[in-house]
Amino acid sequence: MNAPVPTVFVVDDDNSTRELLAWLMKRNGLASEAFPDARSFLESYETERPGCLVLDLNMPGMNGLDLQQYLKEQGVLLPVIFLSAGADIPKAVRAVREGAVDFIEKPFDYKRVVELVRQCLDRDRDLRAGRARRKSVSDRLGQLTQREHEVLDLVVAGKHNREIAEALDISIKTVEAHRARLMEKLEVGSLAELVQAVVAAG
């Protein structure tokens, strides 16, 4: 199955802005989809689809800030770029504080928009890769036995084999065997990688 194409989702109630951005994305080899309001975007969007959101701050009904907040509450972490008129700057600053990547004032600089969109697509790709890695480690951690978890906790706490053996009342050889199985199950090659994997999985 092919991976979904990273898409620039444009949400703006102004038809000419939607058309302009769609043309700009196409001209730069970027896939895009445009929506006249937040509701139509929400009805269409599926969370596994990668990309970024170019979002108008002021729209009838659910405005840009409302949509940003709603997506955050739903755990949707699409990078957001806001489009704003000059008078919207305080709102735009608030949007960035809430996690938006940046805001662009209308009328906008074409090159700046494309540059920001590419940064957002890169960020989304990296975030998704990080989440996939964490999920993979978390799944593997779920396959450990209770004893392996106990050994792992002590290894991550910086304990030596002798200390682990004493704490769990087992032989050093048994500790070594558990550690070897841990490395194998978690698919890591060193103690540093083991600790990093556990920390990354939270």
N, C-alpha and C. Protein backbone atom coordinates (compact mmCIF):
# COMPACT_ATOMS: atom_id res chain seq x y z
N MET A 1 0.84 -1.19 0.00
CA MET A 1 0.00 0.00 0.00
C MET A 1 0.88 1.25 0.00
N ASN A 2 0.59 2.19 -0.90
CA ASN A 2 1.39 3.41 -0.99
C ASN A 2 1.11 4.32 0.20
N ALA A 3 2.19 4.98 0.65
CA ALA A 3 2.02 5.95 1.76
C ALA A 3 1.25 7.15 1.23
N PRO A 4 0.41 7.77 2.09
CA PRO A 4 -0.33 8.95 1.64
C PRO A 4 0.62 10.09 1.28
N VAL A 5 0.26 10.84 0.27
CA VAL A 5 1.09 11.97 -0.18
C VAL A 5 0.94 13.14 0.79
N PRO A 6 2.06 13.74 1.23
CA PRO A 6 1.95 14.94 2.08
C PRO A 6 1.18 16.03 1.34
N THR A 7 0.19 16.58 2.00
CA THR A 7 -0.73 17.52 1.35
C THR A 7 -0.82 18.83 2.13
N VAL A 8 -0.89 19.93 1.39
CA VAL A 8 -1.09 21.25 2.00
C VAL A 8 -2.60 21.49 2.04
N PHE A 9 -3.16 21.52 3.23
CA PHE A 9 -4.60 21.74 3.39
C PHE A 9 -4.85 23.23 3.61
N VAL A 10 -5.53 23.84 2.67
CA VAL A 10 -5.81 25.28 2.74
C VAL A 10 -7.25 25.47 3.22
N VAL A 11 -7.43 26.21 4.30
CA VAL A 11 -8.79 26.49 4.80
C VAL A 11 -8.96 28.00 4.87
N ASP A 12 -9.78 28.53 3.96
CA ASP A 12 -9.98 29.98 3.87
C ASP A 12 -11.32 30.24 3.22
N ASP A 13 -12.10 31.15 3.79
CA ASP A 13 -13.42 31.41 3.22
C ASP A 13 -13.35 32.30 1.98
N ASP A 14 -12.17 32.84 1.66
CA ASP A 14 -12.02 33.70 0.48
C ASP A 14 -11.63 32.85 -0.73
N ASN A 15 -12.51 32.81 -1.71
CA ASN A 15 -12.33 31.96 -2.88
C ASN A 15 -11.04 32.28 -3.63
N SER A 16 -10.75 33.58 -3.81
CA SER A 16 -9.56 33.96 -4.59
C SER A 16 -8.28 33.53 -3.87
N THR A 17 -8.27 33.59 -2.53
CA THR A 17 -7.09 33.14 -1.77
C THR A 17 -6.91 31.64 -1.92
N ARG A 18 -8.00 30.90 -1.84
CA ARG A 18 -7.92 29.43 -2.02
C ARG A 18 -7.36 29.09 -3.39
N GLU A 19 -7.88 29.76 -4.41
CA GLU A 19 -7.43 29.47 -5.79
C GLU A 19 -5.96 29.83 -5.97
N LEU A 20 -5.57 30.97 -5.40
CA LEU A 20 -4.18 31.42 -5.52
C LEU A 20 -3.23 30.43 -4.85
N LEU A 21 -3.59 30.00 -3.65
CA LEU A 21 -2.72 29.06 -2.93
C LEU A 21 -2.67 27.70 -3.61
N ALA A 22 -3.80 27.25 -4.12
CA ALA A 22 -3.83 25.97 -4.85
C ALA A 22 -2.91 26.05 -6.08
N TRP A 23 -2.98 27.18 -6.80
CA TRP A 23 -2.13 27.38 -7.98
C TRP A 23 -0.66 27.41 -7.57
N LEU A 24 -0.36 28.11 -6.48
CA LEU A 24 1.01 28.26 -6.00
C LEU A 24 1.61 26.92 -5.60
N MET A 25 0.80 26.10 -4.91
CA MET A 25 1.29 24.78 -4.50
C MET A 25 1.55 23.89 -5.72
N LYS A 26 0.61 23.92 -6.67
CA LYS A 26 0.75 23.09 -7.87
C LYS A 26 2.00 23.49 -8.64
N ARG A 27 2.21 24.79 -8.74
CA ARG A 27 3.36 25.31 -9.49
C ARG A 27 4.68 24.86 -8.86
N ASN A 28 4.65 24.62 -7.55
CA ASN A 28 5.86 24.20 -6.85
C ASN A 28 5.90 22.70 -6.56
N GLY A 29 5.04 21.96 -7.24
CA GLY A 29 5.07 20.51 -7.13
C GLY A 29 4.55 19.96 -5.82
N LEU A 30 3.66 20.73 -5.16
CA LEU A 30 3.11 20.30 -3.87
C LEU A 30 1.63 19.97 -4.00
N ALA A 31 1.23 18.86 -3.43
CA ALA A 31 -0.20 18.49 -3.45
C ALA A 31 -0.96 19.39 -2.49
N SER A 32 -2.16 19.80 -2.89
CA SER A 32 -2.96 20.63 -1.98
C SER A 32 -4.44 20.30 -2.13
N GLU A 33 -5.18 20.63 -1.07
CA GLU A 33 -6.64 20.55 -1.09
C GLU A 33 -7.15 21.81 -0.40
N ALA A 34 -8.20 22.40 -0.95
CA ALA A 34 -8.69 23.67 -0.39
C ALA A 34 -10.12 23.52 0.12
N PHE A 35 -10.42 24.21 1.23
CA PHE A 35 -11.73 24.13 1.88
C PHE A 35 -12.21 25.54 2.23
N PRO A 36 -13.52 25.80 2.06
CA PRO A 36 -14.04 27.14 2.34
C PRO A 36 -14.28 27.42 3.82
N ASP A 37 -14.27 26.37 4.65
CA ASP A 37 -14.51 26.57 6.09
C ASP A 37 -13.97 25.39 6.89
N ALA A 38 -13.91 25.58 8.20
CA ALA A 38 -13.34 24.57 9.09
C ALA A 38 -14.12 23.26 9.04
N ARG A 39 -15.45 23.38 8.99
CA ARG A 39 -16.29 22.17 9.03
C ARG A 39 -16.01 21.25 7.84
N SER A 40 -15.92 21.85 6.65
CA SER A 40 -15.71 21.00 5.46
C SER A 40 -14.34 20.33 5.52
N PHE A 41 -13.35 21.03 6.09
CA PHE A 41 -12.04 20.41 6.27
C PHE A 41 -12.14 19.23 7.24
N LEU A 42 -12.81 19.44 8.38
CA LEU A 42 -12.92 18.38 9.39
C LEU A 42 -13.66 17.16 8.87
N GLU A 43 -14.66 17.40 8.03
CA GLU A 43 -15.43 16.27 7.46
C GLU A 43 -14.57 15.44 6.52
N SER A 44 -13.58 16.09 5.88
CA SER A 44 -12.77 15.41 4.88
C SER A 44 -11.48 14.81 5.43
N TYR A 45 -10.90 15.47 6.45
CA TYR A 45 -9.54 15.11 6.87
C TYR A 45 -9.50 13.82 7.70
N GLU A 46 -8.50 12.98 7.39
CA GLU A 46 -8.23 11.77 8.17
C GLU A 46 -6.85 11.91 8.80
N THR A 47 -6.75 11.61 10.10
CA THR A 47 -5.54 11.96 10.86
C THR A 47 -4.26 11.30 10.36
N GLU A 48 -4.38 10.17 9.66
CA GLU A 48 -3.14 9.53 9.20
C GLU A 48 -2.55 10.24 7.98
N ARG A 49 -3.30 11.21 7.43
CA ARG A 49 -2.79 11.91 6.24
C ARG A 49 -1.76 12.96 6.63
N PRO A 50 -0.55 12.84 6.11
CA PRO A 50 0.50 13.81 6.46
C PRO A 50 0.32 15.12 5.70
N GLY A 51 0.95 16.17 6.22
CA GLY A 51 0.90 17.45 5.52
C GLY A 51 0.97 18.61 6.47
N CYS A 52 0.39 19.73 6.06
CA CYS A 52 0.31 20.89 6.94
C CYS A 52 -0.96 21.67 6.61
N LEU A 53 -1.28 22.61 7.48
CA LEU A 53 -2.52 23.35 7.38
C LEU A 53 -2.19 24.83 7.17
N VAL A 54 -2.73 25.42 6.09
CA VAL A 54 -2.62 26.86 5.88
C VAL A 54 -4.01 27.41 6.17
N LEU A 55 -4.11 28.18 7.24
CA LEU A 55 -5.40 28.44 7.85
C LEU A 55 -5.67 29.94 8.01
N ASP A 56 -6.83 30.37 7.53
CA ASP A 56 -7.22 31.77 7.71
C ASP A 56 -7.65 31.99 9.17
N LEU A 57 -7.18 33.09 9.75
CA LEU A 57 -7.54 33.38 11.14
C LEU A 57 -9.02 33.68 11.29
N ASN A 58 -9.53 34.55 10.41
CA ASN A 58 -10.92 35.02 10.56
C ASN A 58 -11.82 34.37 9.52
N MET A 59 -12.67 33.47 9.98
CA MET A 59 -13.66 32.85 9.09
C MET A 59 -14.98 32.81 9.83
N PRO A 60 -16.09 32.84 9.08
CA PRO A 60 -17.39 32.71 9.74
C PRO A 60 -17.51 31.34 10.41
N GLY A 61 -18.30 31.26 11.46
CA GLY A 61 -18.46 29.98 12.16
C GLY A 61 -17.21 29.69 12.96
N MET A 62 -16.66 28.51 12.75
CA MET A 62 -15.45 28.12 13.47
C MET A 62 -14.25 28.86 12.85
N ASN A 63 -13.64 29.79 13.60
CA ASN A 63 -12.53 30.53 13.00
C ASN A 63 -11.22 29.73 13.11
N GLY A 64 -10.15 30.31 12.60
CA GLY A 64 -8.88 29.59 12.55
C GLY A 64 -8.36 29.17 13.91
N LEU A 65 -8.45 30.08 14.89
CA LEU A 65 -7.98 29.75 16.24
C LEU A 65 -8.81 28.62 16.85
N ASP A 66 -10.12 28.67 16.61
CA ASP A 66 -11.01 27.61 17.12
C ASP A 66 -10.61 26.25 16.53
N LEU A 67 -10.34 26.25 15.22
CA LEU A 67 -9.97 25.00 14.55
C LEU A 67 -8.63 24.49 15.09
N GLN A 68 -7.67 25.39 15.25
CA GLN A 68 -6.37 25.01 15.80
C GLN A 68 -6.54 24.36 17.17
N GLN A 69 -7.36 24.99 18.02
CA GLN A 69 -7.58 24.48 19.37
C GLN A 69 -8.28 23.12 19.34
N TYR A 70 -9.28 23.00 18.47
CA TYR A 70 -10.03 21.74 18.35
C TYR A 70 -9.09 20.61 17.93
N LEU A 71 -8.24 20.87 16.94
CA LEU A 71 -7.33 19.83 16.45
C LEU A 71 -6.36 19.41 17.56
N LYS A 72 -5.87 20.39 18.33
CA LYS A 72 -4.97 20.07 19.44
C LYS A 72 -5.67 19.15 20.45
N GLU A 73 -6.93 19.48 20.75
CA GLU A 73 -7.69 18.67 21.72
C GLU A 73 -7.90 17.24 21.22
N GLN A 74 -7.98 17.10 19.88
CA GLN A 74 -8.19 15.77 19.29
C GLN A 74 -6.87 15.01 19.09
N GLY A 75 -5.75 15.67 19.45
CA GLY A 75 -4.44 15.03 19.27
C GLY A 75 -3.93 15.07 17.85
N VAL A 76 -4.52 15.95 17.01
CA VAL A 76 -4.05 16.10 15.62
C VAL A 76 -2.94 17.15 15.63
N LEU A 77 -1.74 16.75 15.22
CA LEU A 77 -0.58 17.62 15.38
C LEU A 77 -0.07 18.17 14.05
N LEU A 78 -0.98 18.39 13.11
CA LEU A 78 -0.57 18.98 11.83
C LEU A 78 0.06 20.35 12.07
N PRO A 79 1.23 20.62 11.50
CA PRO A 79 1.78 21.97 11.61
C PRO A 79 0.84 22.99 10.95
N VAL A 80 0.70 24.15 11.59
CA VAL A 80 -0.25 25.18 11.12
C VAL A 80 0.48 26.47 10.77
N ILE A 81 0.13 27.02 9.60
CA ILE A 81 0.55 28.38 9.23
C ILE A 81 -0.73 29.19 9.13
N PHE A 82 -0.76 30.32 9.81
CA PHE A 82 -1.95 31.18 9.73
C PHE A 82 -1.79 32.28 8.69
N LEU A 83 -2.89 32.56 8.01
CA LEU A 83 -2.97 33.73 7.13
C LEU A 83 -3.72 34.80 7.89
N SER A 84 -3.17 36.01 7.90
CA SER A 84 -3.84 37.06 8.67
C SER A 84 -3.71 38.41 7.99
N ALA A 85 -4.72 39.24 8.17
CA ALA A 85 -4.63 40.64 7.76
C ALA A 85 -3.83 41.38 8.82
N GLY A 86 -3.32 42.56 8.48
CA GLY A 86 -2.48 43.32 9.40
C GLY A 86 -3.11 43.52 10.76
N ALA A 87 -4.41 43.76 10.79
CA ALA A 87 -5.11 44.04 12.06
C ALA A 87 -5.17 42.81 12.96
N ASP A 88 -4.86 41.64 12.42
CA ASP A 88 -4.97 40.39 13.18
C ASP A 88 -3.71 40.02 13.94
N ILE A 89 -2.69 40.88 13.91
CA ILE A 89 -1.39 40.49 14.46
C ILE A 89 -1.46 39.98 15.91
N PRO A 90 -2.18 40.66 16.84
CA PRO A 90 -2.23 40.10 18.21
C PRO A 90 -2.79 38.67 18.23
N LYS A 91 -3.82 38.42 17.40
CA LYS A 91 -4.38 37.06 17.33
C LYS A 91 -3.35 36.09 16.76
N ALA A 92 -2.63 36.55 15.74
CA ALA A 92 -1.64 35.68 15.10
C ALA A 92 -0.53 35.31 16.08
N VAL A 93 -0.13 36.29 16.90
CA VAL A 93 0.90 36.02 17.91
C VAL A 93 0.38 34.97 18.90
N ARG A 94 -0.88 35.11 19.28
CA ARG A 94 -1.49 34.12 20.19
C ARG A 94 -1.49 32.73 19.53
N ALA A 95 -1.79 32.71 18.23
CA ALA A 95 -1.83 31.43 17.51
C ALA A 95 -0.46 30.75 17.54
N VAL A 96 0.60 31.55 17.39
CA VAL A 96 1.95 30.98 17.43
C VAL A 96 2.25 30.45 18.83
N ARG A 97 1.81 31.18 19.85
CA ARG A 97 1.99 30.70 21.23
C ARG A 97 1.27 29.36 21.43
N GLU A 98 0.16 29.17 20.73
CA GLU A 98 -0.62 27.93 20.85
C GLU A 98 -0.01 26.80 20.01
N GLY A 99 1.06 27.12 19.28
CA GLY A 99 1.75 26.04 18.55
C GLY A 99 1.82 26.21 17.04
N ALA A 100 1.23 27.28 16.49
CA ALA A 100 1.34 27.49 15.04
C ALA A 100 2.81 27.71 14.68
N VAL A 101 3.20 27.29 13.49
CA VAL A 101 4.58 27.43 13.07
C VAL A 101 4.89 28.89 12.77
N ASP A 102 3.97 29.59 12.11
CA ASP A 102 4.19 30.99 11.77
C ASP A 102 2.88 31.58 11.27
N PHE A 103 2.91 32.88 11.01
CA PHE A 103 1.76 33.48 10.35
C PHE A 103 2.23 34.37 9.21
N ILE A 104 1.40 34.46 8.20
CA ILE A 104 1.73 35.22 7.00
C ILE A 104 0.69 36.32 6.84
N GLU A 105 1.17 37.52 6.65
CA GLU A 105 0.25 38.64 6.44
C GLU A 105 -0.21 38.68 4.98
N LYS A 106 -1.50 38.96 4.81
CA LYS A 106 -2.02 39.19 3.46
C LYS A 106 -1.80 40.66 3.11
N PRO A 107 -1.48 41.01 1.87
CA PRO A 107 -1.12 40.12 0.75
C PRO A 107 0.25 39.50 1.02
N PHE A 108 0.41 38.24 0.62
CA PHE A 108 1.62 37.54 1.04
C PHE A 108 2.67 37.41 -0.07
N ASP A 109 3.89 37.16 0.40
CA ASP A 109 5.04 36.92 -0.46
C ASP A 109 5.01 35.45 -0.88
N TYR A 110 4.89 35.19 -2.17
CA TYR A 110 4.76 33.81 -2.67
C TYR A 110 5.91 32.91 -2.22
N LYS A 111 7.14 33.43 -2.36
CA LYS A 111 8.30 32.61 -2.02
C LYS A 111 8.31 32.26 -0.52
N ARG A 112 7.91 33.23 0.29
CA ARG A 112 7.86 33.00 1.74
C ARG A 112 6.84 31.91 2.09
N VAL A 113 5.69 31.94 1.43
CA VAL A 113 4.66 30.93 1.68
C VAL A 113 5.19 29.54 1.35
N VAL A 114 5.79 29.40 0.18
CA VAL A 114 6.29 28.08 -0.24
C VAL A 114 7.40 27.59 0.69
N GLU A 115 8.28 28.52 1.08
CA GLU A 115 9.38 28.18 2.00
C GLU A 115 8.82 27.67 3.34
N LEU A 116 7.83 28.39 3.88
CA LEU A 116 7.22 27.98 5.15
C LEU A 116 6.49 26.64 5.04
N VAL A 117 5.79 26.47 3.93
CA VAL A 117 5.05 25.21 3.71
C VAL A 117 6.03 24.04 3.67
N ARG A 118 7.14 24.20 2.97
CA ARG A 118 8.13 23.12 2.90
C ARG A 118 8.70 22.80 4.29
N GLN A 119 8.96 23.85 5.07
CA GLN A 119 9.43 23.64 6.45
C GLN A 119 8.41 22.84 7.26
N CYS A 120 7.13 23.19 7.09
CA CYS A 120 6.05 22.50 7.81
C CYS A 120 5.94 21.04 7.39
N LEU A 121 6.06 20.78 6.10
CA LEU A 121 5.97 19.39 5.62
C LEU A 121 7.14 18.57 6.18
N ASP A 122 8.33 19.18 6.24
CA ASP A 122 9.49 18.49 6.83
C ASP A 122 9.23 18.20 8.31
N ARG A 123 8.70 19.20 9.01
CA ARG A 123 8.42 19.05 10.44
C ARG A 123 7.41 17.92 10.66
N ASP A 124 6.35 17.91 9.85
CA ASP A 124 5.32 16.88 10.01
C ASP A 124 5.91 15.49 9.77
N ARG A 125 6.76 15.38 8.73
CA ARG A 125 7.39 14.08 8.44
C ARG A 125 8.23 13.62 9.63
N ASP A 126 9.03 14.54 10.20
CA ASP A 126 9.89 14.18 11.34
C ASP A 126 9.07 13.80 12.57
N LEU A 127 7.98 14.56 12.83
CA LEU A 127 7.12 14.25 13.98
C LEU A 127 6.48 12.88 13.83
N ARG A 128 6.00 12.58 12.62
CA ARG A 128 5.35 11.27 12.38
C ARG A 128 6.36 10.14 12.53
N ALA A 129 7.59 10.35 12.03
CA ALA A 129 8.62 9.32 12.15
C ALA A 129 8.95 9.08 13.63
N GLY A 130 9.03 10.17 14.41
CA GLY A 130 9.30 10.05 15.84
C GLY A 130 8.19 9.29 16.56
N ARG A 131 6.93 9.62 16.20
CA ARG A 131 5.79 8.93 16.84
C ARG A 131 5.79 7.45 16.48
N ALA A 132 6.13 7.14 15.22
CA ALA A 132 6.17 5.74 14.78
C ALA A 132 7.25 4.97 15.55
N ARG A 133 8.42 5.64 15.75
CA ARG A 133 9.50 4.98 16.50
C ARG A 133 9.07 4.72 17.93
N ARG A 134 8.45 5.74 18.56
CA ARG A 134 8.01 5.58 19.96
C ARG A 134 6.98 4.45 20.09
N LYS A 135 6.06 4.39 19.11
CA LYS A 135 5.03 3.34 19.16
C LYS A 135 5.68 1.96 19.01
N SER A 136 6.67 1.87 18.12
CA SER A 136 7.35 0.61 17.89
C SER A 136 8.04 0.14 19.18
N VAL A 137 8.75 1.07 19.86
CA VAL A 137 9.44 0.72 21.11
C VAL A 137 8.41 0.36 22.18
N SER A 138 7.33 1.14 22.23
CA SER A 138 6.29 0.88 23.22
C SER A 138 5.68 -0.51 23.03
N ASP A 139 5.45 -0.88 21.76
CA ASP A 139 4.91 -2.22 21.45
C ASP A 139 5.87 -3.30 21.92
N ARG A 140 7.18 -3.08 21.67
CA ARG A 140 8.18 -4.08 22.07
C ARG A 140 8.29 -4.16 23.59
N LEU A 141 8.19 -3.00 24.27
CA LEU A 141 8.22 -3.01 25.74
C LEU A 141 7.07 -3.83 26.30
N GLY A 142 5.93 -3.79 25.60
CA GLY A 142 4.75 -4.53 26.03
C GLY A 142 4.94 -6.04 25.96
N GLN A 143 5.98 -6.48 25.24
CA GLN A 143 6.21 -7.93 25.09
C GLN A 143 7.17 -8.47 26.16
N LEU A 144 7.71 -7.58 27.01
CA LEU A 144 8.64 -8.03 28.04
C LEU A 144 7.90 -8.74 29.17
N THR A 145 8.58 -9.69 29.79
CA THR A 145 8.02 -10.36 30.96
C THR A 145 8.14 -9.41 32.16
N GLN A 146 7.47 -9.74 33.25
CA GLN A 146 7.55 -8.89 34.45
C GLN A 146 8.99 -8.81 34.95
N ARG A 147 9.71 -9.94 34.95
CA ARG A 147 11.10 -9.96 35.43
C ARG A 147 11.98 -9.10 34.52
N GLU A 148 11.74 -9.20 33.22
CA GLU A 148 12.53 -8.37 32.27
C GLU A 148 12.28 -6.89 32.53
N HIS A 149 11.03 -6.54 32.84
CA HIS A 149 10.71 -5.14 33.18
C HIS A 149 11.48 -4.70 34.43
N GLU A 150 11.54 -5.60 35.42
CA GLU A 150 12.24 -5.27 36.67
C GLU A 150 13.73 -5.02 36.40
N VAL A 151 14.32 -5.91 35.58
CA VAL A 151 15.73 -5.76 35.23
C VAL A 151 15.93 -4.46 34.44
N LEU A 152 15.04 -4.22 33.49
CA LEU A 152 15.14 -3.01 32.65
C LEU A 152 15.09 -1.74 33.51
N ASP A 153 14.15 -1.69 34.45
CA ASP A 153 14.02 -0.50 35.31
C ASP A 153 15.34 -0.23 36.05
N LEU A 154 15.98 -1.30 36.53
CA LEU A 154 17.22 -1.14 37.29
C LEU A 154 18.39 -0.77 36.37
N VAL A 155 18.40 -1.33 35.16
CA VAL A 155 19.45 -0.98 34.18
C VAL A 155 19.35 0.51 33.84
N VAL A 156 18.10 0.96 33.57
CA VAL A 156 17.89 2.36 33.20
C VAL A 156 18.22 3.29 34.38
N ALA A 157 18.05 2.78 35.59
CA ALA A 157 18.39 3.57 36.78
C ALA A 157 19.91 3.62 37.01
N GLY A 158 20.67 2.93 36.14
CA GLY A 158 22.14 3.00 36.23
C GLY A 158 22.77 1.95 37.14
N LYS A 159 22.01 0.92 37.49
CA LYS A 159 22.54 -0.11 38.40
C LYS A 159 23.44 -1.10 37.64
N HIS A 160 24.50 -1.58 38.31
CA HIS A 160 25.38 -2.60 37.72
C HIS A 160 24.74 -3.98 37.91
N ASN A 161 25.26 -4.94 37.16
CA ASN A 161 24.70 -6.30 37.22
C ASN A 161 24.67 -6.85 38.66
N ARG A 162 25.76 -6.60 39.39
CA ARG A 162 25.83 -7.13 40.77
C ARG A 162 24.70 -6.52 41.62
N GLU A 163 24.49 -5.20 41.47
CA GLU A 163 23.44 -4.52 42.24
C GLU A 163 22.05 -5.03 41.85
N ILE A 164 21.88 -5.29 40.55
CA ILE A 164 20.58 -5.80 40.07
C ILE A 164 20.35 -7.20 40.63
N ALA A 165 21.40 -8.02 40.61
CA ALA A 165 21.30 -9.39 41.14
C ALA A 165 20.89 -9.37 42.62
N GLU A 166 21.53 -8.47 43.38
CA GLU A 166 21.21 -8.38 44.81
C GLU A 166 19.78 -7.88 45.03
N ALA A 167 19.39 -6.85 44.25
CA ALA A 167 18.05 -6.26 44.42
C ALA A 167 16.96 -7.27 44.09
N LEU A 168 17.20 -8.13 43.10
CA LEU A 168 16.15 -9.06 42.66
C LEU A 168 16.36 -10.48 43.21
N ASP A 169 17.48 -10.65 43.98
CA ASP A 169 17.79 -11.95 44.58
C ASP A 169 17.91 -13.03 43.51
N ILE A 170 18.70 -12.71 42.48
CA ILE A 170 18.98 -13.68 41.40
C ILE A 170 20.49 -13.64 41.15
N SER A 171 20.99 -14.60 40.37
CA SER A 171 22.43 -14.65 40.11
C SER A 171 22.82 -13.61 39.05
N ILE A 172 24.12 -13.26 39.05
CA ILE A 172 24.62 -12.31 38.04
C ILE A 172 24.43 -12.90 36.64
N LYS A 173 24.64 -14.20 36.52
CA LYS A 173 24.46 -14.85 35.20
C LYS A 173 23.02 -14.70 34.71
N THR A 174 22.08 -14.80 35.62
CA THR A 174 20.66 -14.64 35.24
C THR A 174 20.40 -13.20 34.81
N VAL A 175 21.00 -12.25 35.52
CA VAL A 175 20.87 -10.84 35.14
C VAL A 175 21.42 -10.64 33.72
N GLU A 176 22.60 -11.22 33.46
CA GLU A 176 23.21 -11.09 32.13
C GLU A 176 22.30 -11.68 31.04
N ALA A 177 21.67 -12.81 31.36
CA ALA A 177 20.77 -13.44 30.39
C ALA A 177 19.55 -12.55 30.12
N HIS A 178 19.01 -11.97 31.20
CA HIS A 178 17.86 -11.06 31.03
C HIS A 178 18.25 -9.84 30.20
N ARG A 179 19.43 -9.28 30.49
CA ARG A 179 19.88 -8.10 29.75
C ARG A 179 20.03 -8.42 28.26
N ALA A 180 20.59 -9.60 27.97
CA ALA A 180 20.77 -10.00 26.56
C ALA A 180 19.41 -10.12 25.87
N ARG A 181 18.44 -10.70 26.58
CA ARG A 181 17.09 -10.83 25.98
C ARG A 181 16.43 -9.47 25.79
N LEU A 182 16.67 -8.57 26.77
CA LEU A 182 16.12 -7.21 26.65
C LEU A 182 16.63 -6.53 25.38
N MET A 183 17.95 -6.62 25.18
CA MET A 183 18.57 -5.97 24.01
C MET A 183 17.99 -6.56 22.72
N GLU A 184 17.79 -7.88 22.74
CA GLU A 184 17.27 -8.55 21.55
C GLU A 184 15.81 -8.14 21.29
N LYS A 185 14.98 -8.16 22.35
CA LYS A 185 13.56 -7.83 22.19
C LYS A 185 13.35 -6.37 21.80
N LEU A 186 14.19 -5.49 22.35
CA LEU A 186 14.03 -4.06 22.06
C LEU A 186 14.82 -3.64 20.83
N GLU A 187 15.55 -4.61 20.24
CA GLU A 187 16.30 -4.36 18.99
C GLU A 187 17.28 -3.20 19.15
N VAL A 188 18.07 -3.27 20.21
CA VAL A 188 19.11 -2.25 20.43
C VAL A 188 20.46 -2.95 20.56
N GLY A 189 21.53 -2.20 20.26
CA GLY A 189 22.86 -2.81 20.24
C GLY A 189 23.76 -2.40 21.38
N SER A 190 23.32 -1.43 22.19
CA SER A 190 24.18 -0.97 23.29
C SER A 190 23.32 -0.49 24.45
N LEU A 191 23.98 -0.32 25.60
CA LEU A 191 23.28 0.18 26.79
C LEU A 191 22.71 1.58 26.52
N ALA A 192 23.51 2.42 25.83
CA ALA A 192 23.06 3.78 25.52
C ALA A 192 21.77 3.76 24.68
N GLU A 193 21.76 2.88 23.66
CA GLU A 193 20.58 2.76 22.80
C GLU A 193 19.37 2.27 23.60
N LEU A 194 19.64 1.34 24.53
CA LEU A 194 18.58 0.79 25.38
C LEU A 194 17.93 1.91 26.20
N VAL A 195 18.76 2.72 26.84
CA VAL A 195 18.24 3.83 27.67
C VAL A 195 17.51 4.84 26.79
N GLN A 196 18.08 5.18 25.63
CA GLN A 196 17.44 6.14 24.71
C GLN A 196 16.06 5.63 24.28
N ALA A 197 15.98 4.33 23.97
CA ALA A 197 14.72 3.75 23.53
C ALA A 197 13.65 3.86 24.60
N VAL A 198 14.03 3.56 25.84
CA VAL A 198 13.07 3.61 26.96
C VAL A 198 12.63 5.05 27.21
N VAL A 199 13.58 5.99 27.18
CA VAL A 199 13.27 7.41 27.40
C VAL A 199 12.35 7.91 26.28
N ALA A 200 12.68 7.52 25.03
CA ALA A 200 11.86 7.97 23.88
C ALA A 200 10.44 7.44 23.96
N ALA A 201 10.27 6.23 24.51
CA ALA A 201 8.95 5.64 24.62
C ALA A 201 8.15 6.25 25.77
N GLY A 202 8.83 7.05 26.59
CA GLY A 202 8.16 7.71 27.71
C GLY A 202 7.88 6.76 28.84
